[in-house]
Amino acid sequence: MQVINSLIEDSFAYTGEKENIGMRRDEIGDLMEIVAYCQDEAVKEPMEYQDTLWEIYVQEGITFTDWLYGGGIGNDEDRRRLMEALSKKEMVQAEINRPIMEERNIQIALGEFPQAVSNVKEYIKERREILSSLKNAADYESFMQSCFINSCFAVGILSEMKRIHNFPERAKEITKALGVLNDEAITLYQQYSHSLEEAMHILSAHLQRECTPDPKHAKDLIFSFAYSEQVEGNMVAAIKDIECSPHLKLIHPGSNLRIYFYWCDAVIGEGKKVLVGRIGRHPY
């Protein structure tokens, strides 16, 4: 799966509905958050645009190029941020140069624009909708890290995902659950580390799915996570085993489709990412 992040050049234009670019600081900030997401280690995708962008009039008599180099009304920090972001992106390449793989397009705009996203919340929602539409567990697994950048997934997690019955019908629910874990688990852990039962209760309420621990089977709920550590000045690959006892029971309380996780670990993801150990059946 390859996402083509397409910047809509016309969304920069100064029109009767759009103010001049010097007055659109909040919109520029929203676009920069999307750019930062695309540049994240788990994503690393370019933003593509046509060279017509440079000649778009963003103020009366002022093209985007003029504005970037100090023309018209604007904030120098906004000019710098846009210049830096666009210099790291790619011009639209000929189709012959693209790798042969399934592609989906996300339209990105400066400010609200028809059939486009304009802030990082909308952008992530669009990515996760693409993820939910994937029919194959292997395709899903290879794309999911880029949709949940605050999560770490266990080594070999795909082996169990391949066993999920009717996977295409379950992808949407799996995506929703992973999204709530990714977006909320760390904050809940920080707030309720003294009472993780309350954190699990809140997750249950948000998902309308049961979230419980499983201390009786702790020995069967050990999963391996990869990370990098510095040894004698060099970064080397390492593995750490983590007990992922808390789990979400998807579909209904008696379902054998579950997501086993742990809130966070000081080493894996430097305490900033939720750890997902298993997506599928209980392992005992």
C-alpha atoms as a PDB file:
ATOM      1  CA  MET A   1       0.000   0.000   0.000  1.00  0.00           C
ATOM      2  CA  GLN A   2       1.293   3.431  -0.970  1.00  0.00           C
ATOM      3  CA  VAL A   3      -0.418   6.675  -0.066  1.00  0.00           C
ATOM      4  CA  ILE A   4      -0.011   9.598  -2.449  1.00  0.00           C
ATOM      5  CA  ASN A   5      -0.272  12.782  -0.405  1.00  0.00           C
ATOM      6  CA  SER A   6      -1.464  15.342  -2.949  1.00  0.00           C
ATOM      7  CA  LEU A   7      -1.345  19.020  -2.060  1.00  0.00           C
ATOM      8  CA  ILE A   8      -4.165  20.985  -3.698  1.00  0.00           C
ATOM      9  CA  GLU A   9      -2.495  24.010  -5.232  1.00  0.00           C
ATOM     10  CA  ASP A  10      -5.760  25.964  -5.617  1.00  0.00           C
ATOM     11  CA  SER A  11      -6.299  25.891  -1.857  1.00  0.00           C
ATOM     12  CA  PHE A  12      -3.519  28.499  -1.588  1.00  0.00           C
ATOM     13  CA  ALA A  13      -5.297  30.922  -3.904  1.00  0.00           C
ATOM     14  CA  TYR A  14      -6.519  34.349  -2.804  1.00  0.00           C
ATOM     15  CA  THR A  15     -10.217  34.400  -3.760  1.00  0.00           C
ATOM     16  CA  GLY A  16     -13.451  35.899  -2.580  1.00  0.00           C
ATOM     17  CA  GLU A  17     -13.795  32.988  -0.156  1.00  0.00           C
ATOM     18  CA  LYS A  18     -10.161  32.824   0.969  1.00  0.00           C
ATOM     19  CA  GLU A  19      -8.198  35.549   2.737  1.00  0.00           C
ATOM     20  CA  ASN A  20      -4.712  36.460   1.616  1.00  0.00           C
ATOM     21  CA  ILE A  21      -2.108  34.007   2.828  1.00  0.00           C
ATOM     22  CA  GLY A  22      -0.674  36.481   5.325  1.00  0.00           C
ATOM     23  CA  MET A  23      -3.885  36.162   7.335  1.00  0.00           C
ATOM     24  CA  ARG A  24      -3.982  32.350   7.292  1.00  0.00           C
ATOM     25  CA  ARG A  25      -1.541  31.545  10.079  1.00  0.00           C
ATOM     26  CA  ASP A  26      -3.746  28.928  11.751  1.00  0.00           C
ATOM     27  CA  GLU A  27      -4.242  27.136   8.452  1.00  0.00           C
ATOM     28  CA  ILE A  28      -0.488  27.142   7.819  1.00  0.00           C
ATOM     29  CA  GLY A  29       0.021  25.668  11.290  1.00  0.00           C
ATOM     30  CA  ASP A  30      -2.503  22.908  10.544  1.00  0.00           C
ATOM     31  CA  LEU A  31      -0.747  22.087   7.278  1.00  0.00           C
ATOM     32  CA  MET A  32       2.604  21.923   9.052  1.00  0.00           C
ATOM     33  CA  GLU A  33       1.188  19.330  11.458  1.00  0.00           C
ATOM     34  CA  ILE A  34       0.204  17.156   8.499  1.00  0.00           C
ATOM     35  CA  VAL A  35       3.705  17.601   7.053  1.00  0.00           C
ATOM     36  CA  ALA A  36       5.254  16.567  10.379  1.00  0.00           C
ATOM     37  CA  TYR A  37       3.085  13.444  10.474  1.00  0.00           C
ATOM     38  CA  CYS A  38       4.145  12.473   6.954  1.00  0.00           C
ATOM     39  CA  GLN A  39       7.781  12.921   7.957  1.00  0.00           C
ATOM     40  CA  ASP A  40       7.466  10.704  11.050  1.00  0.00           C
ATOM     41  CA  GLU A  41       9.779   7.688  11.182  1.00  0.00           C
ATOM     42  CA  ALA A  42       6.785   5.344  10.864  1.00  0.00           C
ATOM     43  CA  VAL A  43       5.427   7.086   7.750  1.00  0.00           C
ATOM     44  CA  LYS A  44       8.176   8.736   5.673  1.00  0.00           C
ATOM     45  CA  GLU A  45       5.970   9.756   2.791  1.00  0.00           C
ATOM     46  CA  PRO A  46       6.463  12.777   0.536  1.00  0.00           C
ATOM     47  CA  MET A  47       3.843  15.371  -0.258  1.00  0.00           C
ATOM     48  CA  GLU A  48       3.403  15.873  -3.969  1.00  0.00           C
ATOM     49  CA  TYR A  49       2.390  19.019  -5.785  1.00  0.00           C
ATOM     50  CA  GLN A  50       2.319  20.495  -9.260  1.00  0.00           C
ATOM     51  CA  ASP A  51       4.740  23.277 -10.163  1.00  0.00           C
ATOM     52  CA  THR A  52       1.727  25.512 -10.825  1.00  0.00           C
ATOM     53  CA  LEU A  53       1.719  26.085  -7.060  1.00  0.00           C
ATOM     54  CA  TRP A  54       4.509  28.641  -7.373  1.00  0.00           C
ATOM     55  CA  GLU A  55       2.454  30.877  -9.670  1.00  0.00           C
ATOM     56  CA  ILE A  56      -0.776  30.806  -7.638  1.00  0.00           C
ATOM     57  CA  TYR A  57      -1.810  34.314  -6.529  1.00  0.00           C
ATOM     58  CA  VAL A  58      -1.964  34.248  -2.738  1.00  0.00           C
ATOM     59  CA  GLN A  59      -2.482  37.980  -2.314  1.00  0.00           C
ATOM     60  CA  GLU A  60      -3.586  40.644  -4.752  1.00  0.00           C
ATOM     61  CA  GLY A  61      -0.837  40.804  -7.381  1.00  0.00           C
ATOM     62  CA  ILE A  62       1.467  38.525  -5.329  1.00  0.00           C
ATOM     63  CA  THR A  63       2.290  34.956  -6.378  1.00  0.00           C
ATOM     64  CA  PHE A  64       3.201  32.248  -3.918  1.00  0.00           C
ATOM     65  CA  THR A  65       6.830  32.482  -5.031  1.00  0.00           C
ATOM     66  CA  ASP A  66       6.808  36.258  -4.488  1.00  0.00           C
ATOM     67  CA  TRP A  67       5.316  35.801  -1.056  1.00  0.00           C
ATOM     68  CA  LEU A  68       7.811  33.117   0.005  1.00  0.00           C
ATOM     69  CA  TYR A  69      10.675  35.475  -0.786  1.00  0.00           C
ATOM     70  CA  GLY A  70       9.281  38.369   1.219  1.00  0.00           C
ATOM     71  CA  GLY A  71       6.673  39.954  -0.991  1.00  0.00           C
ATOM     72  CA  GLY A  72       3.310  41.139   0.278  1.00  0.00           C
ATOM     73  CA  ILE A  73       1.937  40.764   3.799  1.00  0.00           C
ATOM     74  CA  GLY A  74       3.047  37.872   5.931  1.00  0.00           C
ATOM     75  CA  ASN A  75       4.997  36.465   8.823  1.00  0.00           C
ATOM     76  CA  ASP A  76       8.616  35.482   8.188  1.00  0.00           C
ATOM     77  CA  GLU A  77       8.237  32.370  10.341  1.00  0.00           C
ATOM     78  CA  ASP A  78       5.288  31.205   8.221  1.00  0.00           C
ATOM     79  CA  ARG A  79       7.316  31.779   5.054  1.00  0.00           C
ATOM     80  CA  ARG A  80      10.211  29.788   6.504  1.00  0.00           C
ATOM     81  CA  ARG A  81       8.002  26.892   7.590  1.00  0.00           C
ATOM     82  CA  LEU A  82       6.315  26.594   4.220  1.00  0.00           C
ATOM     83  CA  MET A  83       9.580  26.907   2.325  1.00  0.00           C
ATOM     84  CA  GLU A  84      11.186  24.193   4.442  1.00  0.00           C
ATOM     85  CA  ALA A  85       8.199  21.875   4.145  1.00  0.00           C
ATOM     86  CA  LEU A  86       7.853  22.226   0.389  1.00  0.00           C
ATOM     87  CA  SER A  87      11.581  21.868  -0.233  1.00  0.00           C
ATOM     88  CA  LYS A  88      11.418  18.391   1.317  1.00  0.00           C
ATOM     89  CA  LYS A  89       8.542  17.284  -0.840  1.00  0.00           C
ATOM     90  CA  GLU A  90       8.496  15.862  -4.330  1.00  0.00           C
ATOM     91  CA  MET A  91       7.151  17.181  -7.582  1.00  0.00           C
ATOM     92  CA  VAL A  92       4.620  14.855  -9.189  1.00  0.00           C
ATOM     93  CA  GLN A  93       6.595  12.142 -10.931  1.00  0.00           C
ATOM     94  CA  ALA A  94       5.701  10.355 -14.138  1.00  0.00           C
ATOM     95  CA  GLU A  95       3.727   7.160 -13.566  1.00  0.00           C
ATOM     96  CA  ILE A  96       6.559   5.104 -15.066  1.00  0.00           C
ATOM     97  CA  ASN A  97       8.748   6.036 -12.098  1.00  0.00           C
ATOM     98  CA  ARG A  98       6.304   4.822  -9.454  1.00  0.00           C
ATOM     99  CA  PRO A  99       6.788   1.404  -7.822  1.00  0.00           C
ATOM    100  CA  ILE A 100       4.183  -1.175  -8.800  1.00  0.00           C
ATOM    101  CA  MET A 101       1.886  -1.369  -5.777  1.00  0.00           C
ATOM    102  CA  GLU A 102      -1.623  -0.407  -4.774  1.00  0.00           C
ATOM    103  CA  GLU A 103      -2.021   3.333  -4.352  1.00  0.00           C
ATOM    104  CA  ARG A 104      -4.537   5.493  -2.518  1.00  0.00           C
ATOM    105  CA  ASN A 105      -4.689   9.253  -2.750  1.00  0.00           C
ATOM    106  CA  ILE A 106      -5.247  11.710   0.097  1.00  0.00           C
ATOM    107  CA  GLN A 107      -6.053  15.251  -0.990  1.00  0.00           C
ATOM    108  CA  ILE A 108      -4.511  17.847   1.348  1.00  0.00           C
ATOM    109  CA  ALA A 109      -5.414  21.530   1.407  1.00  0.00           C
ATOM    110  CA  LEU A 110      -4.401  24.775   3.039  1.00  0.00           C
ATOM    111  CA  GLY A 111      -7.614  25.486   4.922  1.00  0.00           C
ATOM    112  CA  GLU A 112     -11.004  23.944   4.262  1.00  0.00           C
ATOM    113  CA  PHE A 113     -11.466  22.767   0.701  1.00  0.00           C
ATOM    114  CA  PRO A 114     -13.980  20.380  -0.918  1.00  0.00           C
ATOM    115  CA  GLN A 115     -13.078  16.688  -0.663  1.00  0.00           C
ATOM    116  CA  ALA A 116      -9.784  17.404   1.089  1.00  0.00           C
ATOM    117  CA  VAL A 117      -8.301  17.218   4.582  1.00  0.00           C
ATOM    118  CA  SER A 118      -6.820  20.334   6.153  1.00  0.00           C
ATOM    119  CA  ASN A 119      -5.645  19.296   9.630  1.00  0.00           C
ATOM    120  CA  VAL A 120      -3.849  16.331  11.129  1.00  0.00           C
ATOM    121  CA  LYS A 121      -6.965  14.908  12.810  1.00  0.00           C
ATOM    122  CA  GLU A 122      -8.744  14.720   9.460  1.00  0.00           C
ATOM    123  CA  TYR A 123      -5.613  13.345   7.823  1.00  0.00           C
ATOM    124  CA  ILE A 124      -5.230  10.507  10.329  1.00  0.00           C
ATOM    125  CA  LYS A 125      -8.934   9.671  10.001  1.00  0.00           C
ATOM    126  CA  GLU A 126      -8.480   9.372   6.241  1.00  0.00           C
ATOM    127  CA  ARG A 127      -5.465   7.056   6.633  1.00  0.00           C
ATOM    128  CA  ARG A 128      -7.357   4.840   9.060  1.00  0.00           C
ATOM    129  CA  GLU A 129     -10.319   4.621   6.699  1.00  0.00           C
ATOM    130  CA  ILE A 130      -7.932   3.351   4.038  1.00  0.00           C
ATOM    131  CA  LEU A 131      -6.565   0.842   6.546  1.00  0.00           C
ATOM    132  CA  SER A 132     -10.080  -0.347   7.434  1.00  0.00           C
ATOM    133  CA  SER A 133     -10.783  -1.054   3.769  1.00  0.00           C
ATOM    134  CA  LEU A 134      -7.885  -3.479   3.312  1.00  0.00           C
ATOM    135  CA  LYS A 135      -9.003  -7.060   2.789  1.00  0.00           C
ATOM    136  CA  ASN A 136      -5.761  -8.894   3.432  1.00  0.00           C
ATOM    137  CA  ALA A 137      -4.143  -9.247   6.868  1.00  0.00           C
ATOM    138  CA  ALA A 138      -0.621  -8.962   5.442  1.00  0.00           C
ATOM    139  CA  ASP A 139      -1.464  -5.712   3.647  1.00  0.00           C
ATOM    140  CA  TYR A 140      -3.120  -4.418   6.800  1.00  0.00           C
ATOM    141  CA  GLU A 141      -0.120  -5.241   8.988  1.00  0.00           C
ATOM    142  CA  SER A 142       2.367  -3.587   6.641  1.00  0.00           C
ATOM    143  CA  PHE A 143       0.326  -0.354   6.570  1.00  0.00           C
ATOM    144  CA  MET A 144      -0.944  -0.143  10.159  1.00  0.00           C
ATOM    145  CA  GLN A 145       2.203   1.278  11.775  1.00  0.00           C
ATOM    146  CA  SER A 146       1.852   4.423   9.667  1.00  0.00           C
ATOM    147  CA  CYS A 147      -1.699   4.861  10.983  1.00  0.00           C
ATOM    148  CA  PHE A 148      -0.787   4.446  14.667  1.00  0.00           C
ATOM    149  CA  ILE A 149       2.507   6.221  15.194  1.00  0.00           C
ATOM    150  CA  ASN A 150       2.120   6.231  18.988  1.00  0.00           C
ATOM    151  CA  SER A 151       2.090   2.420  19.034  1.00  0.00           C
ATOM    152  CA  CYS A 152       4.708  -0.325  18.941  1.00  0.00           C
ATOM    153  CA  PHE A 153       3.741  -3.739  17.588  1.00  0.00           C
ATOM    154  CA  ALA A 154       5.255  -7.028  18.701  1.00  0.00           C
ATOM    155  CA  VAL A 155       7.659  -8.966  16.521  1.00  0.00           C
ATOM    156  CA  GLY A 156       5.752 -11.457  14.381  1.00  0.00           C
ATOM    157  CA  ILE A 157       2.321  -9.989  15.116  1.00  0.00           C
ATOM    158  CA  LEU A 158       1.201 -10.859  11.580  1.00  0.00           C
ATOM    159  CA  SER A 159       1.365 -14.615  12.181  1.00  0.00           C
ATOM    160  CA  GLU A 160      -1.729 -14.485  14.399  1.00  0.00           C
ATOM    161  CA  MET A 161      -3.492 -11.798  12.395  1.00  0.00           C
ATOM    162  CA  LYS A 162      -3.491 -14.153   9.395  1.00  0.00           C
ATOM    163  CA  ARG A 163      -5.672 -16.531  11.409  1.00  0.00           C
ATOM    164  CA  ILE A 164      -8.451 -14.004  12.066  1.00  0.00           C
ATOM    165  CA  HIS A 165     -11.687 -15.413  10.659  1.00  0.00           C
ATOM    166  CA  ASN A 166     -13.412 -13.146   8.112  1.00  0.00           C
ATOM    167  CA  PHE A 167     -10.637 -10.577   8.388  1.00  0.00           C
ATOM    168  CA  PRO A 168     -12.174  -8.095   5.882  1.00  0.00           C
ATOM    169  CA  GLU A 169     -15.296  -7.920   8.065  1.00  0.00           C
ATOM    170  CA  ARG A 170     -13.223  -7.346  11.211  1.00  0.00           C
ATOM    171  CA  ALA A 171     -10.772  -4.758   9.877  1.00  0.00           C
ATOM    172  CA  LYS A 172     -12.959  -1.771  10.738  1.00  0.00           C
ATOM    173  CA  GLU A 173     -13.423  -2.816  14.370  1.00  0.00           C
ATOM    174  CA  ILE A 174      -9.742  -3.672  14.777  1.00  0.00           C
ATOM    175  CA  THR A 175      -8.836  -0.254  13.381  1.00  0.00           C
ATOM    176  CA  LYS A 176     -11.200   1.543  15.746  1.00  0.00           C
ATOM    177  CA  ALA A 177      -9.773  -0.292  18.772  1.00  0.00           C
ATOM    178  CA  LEU A 178      -6.159   0.290  17.755  1.00  0.00           C
ATOM    179  CA  GLY A 179      -6.983   3.951  17.178  1.00  0.00           C
ATOM    180  CA  VAL A 180      -8.350   4.426  20.702  1.00  0.00           C
ATOM    181  CA  LEU A 181      -5.328   2.651  22.193  1.00  0.00           C
ATOM    182  CA  ASN A 182      -2.929   4.732  20.106  1.00  0.00           C
ATOM    183  CA  ASP A 183      -4.647   8.023  20.896  1.00  0.00           C
ATOM    184  CA  GLU A 184      -5.551   7.536  24.556  1.00  0.00           C
ATOM    185  CA  ALA A 185      -3.589   4.776  26.309  1.00  0.00           C
ATOM    186  CA  ILE A 186      -0.503   6.786  27.280  1.00  0.00           C
ATOM    187  CA  THR A 187      -2.548   9.681  28.668  1.00  0.00           C
ATOM    188  CA  LEU A 188      -4.757   7.277  30.616  1.00  0.00           C
ATOM    189  CA  TYR A 189      -1.705   5.526  32.033  1.00  0.00           C
ATOM    190  CA  GLN A 190      -0.221   8.837  33.157  1.00  0.00           C
ATOM    191  CA  GLN A 191      -3.470   9.841  34.836  1.00  0.00           C
ATOM    192  CA  TYR A 192      -4.361   6.482  36.389  1.00  0.00           C
ATOM    193  CA  SER A 193      -1.063   4.647  36.897  1.00  0.00           C
ATOM    194  CA  HIS A 194      -2.105   4.176  40.534  1.00  0.00           C
ATOM    195  CA  SER A 195      -5.418   2.630  39.428  1.00  0.00           C
ATOM    196  CA  LEU A 196      -5.159   0.954  36.039  1.00  0.00           C
ATOM    197  CA  GLU A 197      -8.561  -0.646  36.554  1.00  0.00           C
ATOM    198  CA  GLU A 198     -10.041   2.826  36.108  1.00  0.00           C
ATOM    199  CA  ALA A 199      -8.004   3.347  32.921  1.00  0.00           C
ATOM    200  CA  MET A 200      -9.347   0.054  31.531  1.00  0.00           C
ATOM    201  CA  HIS A 201     -12.883   1.068  32.525  1.00  0.00           C
ATOM    202  CA  ILE A 202     -12.511   4.294  30.522  1.00  0.00           C
ATOM    203  CA  LEU A 203     -11.209   2.408  27.487  1.00  0.00           C
ATOM    204  CA  SER A 204     -14.186   0.057  27.764  1.00  0.00           C
ATOM    205  CA  ALA A 205     -16.569   3.002  27.834  1.00  0.00           C
ATOM    206  CA  HIS A 206     -14.975   4.708  24.845  1.00  0.00           C
ATOM    207  CA  LEU A 207     -15.037   1.570  22.718  1.00  0.00           C
ATOM    208  CA  GLN A 208     -18.143  -0.047  24.180  1.00  0.00           C
ATOM    209  CA  ARG A 209     -16.042  -3.165  24.403  1.00  0.00           C
ATOM    210  CA  GLU A 210     -14.750  -4.976  27.476  1.00  0.00           C
ATOM    211  CA  CYS A 211     -11.178  -4.260  28.577  1.00  0.00           C
ATOM    212  CA  THR A 212      -9.785  -6.479  31.316  1.00  0.00           C
ATOM    213  CA  PRO A 213      -6.481  -7.858  32.668  1.00  0.00           C
ATOM    214  CA  ASP A 214      -5.642 -11.568  32.590  1.00  0.00           C
ATOM    215  CA  PRO A 215      -3.157 -12.190  35.424  1.00  0.00           C
ATOM    216  CA  LYS A 216      -3.903 -15.940  35.541  1.00  0.00           C
ATOM    217  CA  HIS A 217      -2.306 -16.438  32.136  1.00  0.00           C
ATOM    218  CA  ALA A 218       0.574 -13.974  32.470  1.00  0.00           C
ATOM    219  CA  LYS A 219       3.159 -16.550  31.389  1.00  0.00           C
ATOM    220  CA  ASP A 220       1.322 -17.016  28.080  1.00  0.00           C
ATOM    221  CA  LEU A 221       1.105 -13.301  27.424  1.00  0.00           C
ATOM    222  CA  ILE A 222       4.772 -12.487  26.913  1.00  0.00           C
ATOM    223  CA  PHE A 223       5.522 -10.858  23.566  1.00  0.00           C
ATOM    224  CA  SER A 224       8.773  -9.677  22.027  1.00  0.00           C
ATOM    225  CA  PHE A 225       9.359  -6.103  20.884  1.00  0.00           C
ATOM    226  CA  ALA A 226      12.222  -4.799  18.778  1.00  0.00           C
ATOM    227  CA  TYR A 227      14.065  -1.590  19.565  1.00  0.00           C
ATOM    228  CA  SER A 228      17.464   0.029  19.103  1.00  0.00           C
ATOM    229  CA  GLU A 229      19.983   0.725  21.844  1.00  0.00           C
ATOM    230  CA  GLN A 230      23.349   2.398  21.902  1.00  0.00           C
ATOM    231  CA  VAL A 231      26.316   0.129  22.516  1.00  0.00           C
ATOM    232  CA  GLU A 232      29.810   1.638  22.493  1.00  0.00           C
ATOM    233  CA  GLY A 233      28.604   4.570  20.429  1.00  0.00           C
ATOM    234  CA  ASN A 234      26.703   2.482  17.883  1.00  0.00           C
ATOM    235  CA  MET A 235      22.967   1.839  17.568  1.00  0.00           C
ATOM    236  CA  VAL A 236      22.264  -1.893  17.589  1.00  0.00           C
ATOM    237  CA  ALA A 237      19.054  -3.893  17.278  1.00  0.00           C
ATOM    238  CA  ALA A 238      17.715  -5.461  20.456  1.00  0.00           C
ATOM    239  CA  ILE A 239      14.670  -7.410  21.660  1.00  0.00           C
ATOM    240  CA  LYS A 240      12.766  -7.072  24.927  1.00  0.00           C
ATOM    241  CA  ASP A 241       9.983  -9.340  26.203  1.00  0.00           C
ATOM    242  CA  ILE A 242       6.939  -7.587  27.683  1.00  0.00           C
ATOM    243  CA  GLU A 243       3.898  -9.027  29.431  1.00  0.00           C
ATOM    244  CA  CYS A 244       0.769  -7.739  27.678  1.00  0.00           C
ATOM    245  CA  SER A 245      -2.012  -8.842  29.993  1.00  0.00           C
ATOM    246  CA  PRO A 246      -4.657  -6.110  29.499  1.00  0.00           C
ATOM    247  CA  HIS A 247      -6.805  -6.859  26.484  1.00  0.00           C
ATOM    248  CA  LEU A 248      -9.788  -5.598  24.546  1.00  0.00           C
ATOM    249  CA  LYS A 249     -12.469  -8.149  23.673  1.00  0.00           C
ATOM    250  CA  LEU A 250     -13.731  -7.176  20.252  1.00  0.00           C
ATOM    251  CA  ILE A 251     -17.172  -7.919  18.754  1.00  0.00           C
ATOM    252  CA  HIS A 252     -18.690  -9.195  22.056  1.00  0.00           C
ATOM    253  CA  PRO A 253     -17.428 -10.271  25.534  1.00  0.00           C
ATOM    254  CA  GLY A 254     -17.242 -13.943  24.560  1.00  0.00           C
ATOM    255  CA  SER A 255     -15.390 -13.321  21.325  1.00  0.00           C
ATOM    256  CA  ASN A 256     -12.027 -14.892  20.643  1.00  0.00           C
ATOM    257  CA  LEU A 257     -10.886 -11.780  18.752  1.00  0.00           C
ATOM    258  CA  ARG A 258      -8.795  -9.721  21.140  1.00  0.00           C
ATOM    259  CA  ILE A 259      -6.088  -7.104  21.287  1.00  0.00           C
ATOM    260  CA  TYR A 260      -3.475  -7.702  24.002  1.00  0.00           C
ATOM    261  CA  PHE A 261      -1.465  -4.639  25.001  1.00  0.00           C
ATOM    262  CA  TYR A 262       0.646  -2.972  27.640  1.00  0.00           C
ATOM    263  CA  TRP A 263       0.443   0.705  28.458  1.00  0.00           C
ATOM    264  CA  CYS A 264       4.058   1.716  27.880  1.00  0.00           C
ATOM    265  CA  ASP A 265       7.663   0.796  28.600  1.00  0.00           C
ATOM    266  CA  ALA A 266      10.643   3.027  29.429  1.00  0.00           C
ATOM    267  CA  VAL A 267      12.795   1.276  26.808  1.00  0.00           C
ATOM    268  CA  ILE A 268      10.362   0.344  24.042  1.00  0.00           C
ATOM    269  CA  GLY A 269       9.274   3.631  22.529  1.00  0.00           C
ATOM    270  CA  GLU A 270      10.936   5.535  25.398  1.00  0.00           C
ATOM    271  CA  GLY A 271       7.732   5.405  27.439  1.00  0.00           C
ATOM    272  CA  LYS A 272       5.793   7.324  24.775  1.00  0.00           C
ATOM    273  CA  LYS A 273       4.099   4.472  22.923  1.00  0.00           C
ATOM    274  CA  VAL A 274       1.477   1.869  23.758  1.00  0.00           C
ATOM    275  CA  LEU A 275       2.673  -1.704  23.149  1.00  0.00           C
ATOM    276  CA  VAL A 276       0.428  -4.034  21.148  1.00  0.00           C
ATOM    277  CA  GLY A 277       1.435  -7.642  21.684  1.00  0.00           C
ATOM    278  CA  ARG A 278      -1.205  -9.638  19.843  1.00  0.00           C
ATOM    279  CA  ILE A 279      -4.212  -9.132  17.582  1.00  0.00           C
ATOM    280  CA  GLY A 280      -6.306 -12.282  17.355  1.00  0.00           C
ATOM    281  CA  ARG A 281      -7.168 -15.290  19.492  1.00  0.00           C
ATOM    282  CA  HIS A 282      -6.178 -15.724  23.107  1.00  0.00           C
ATOM    283  CA  PRO A 283      -2.832 -17.599  23.080  1.00  0.00           C
ATOM    284  CA  TYR A 284      -3.673 -20.392  25.528  1.00  0.00           C
END
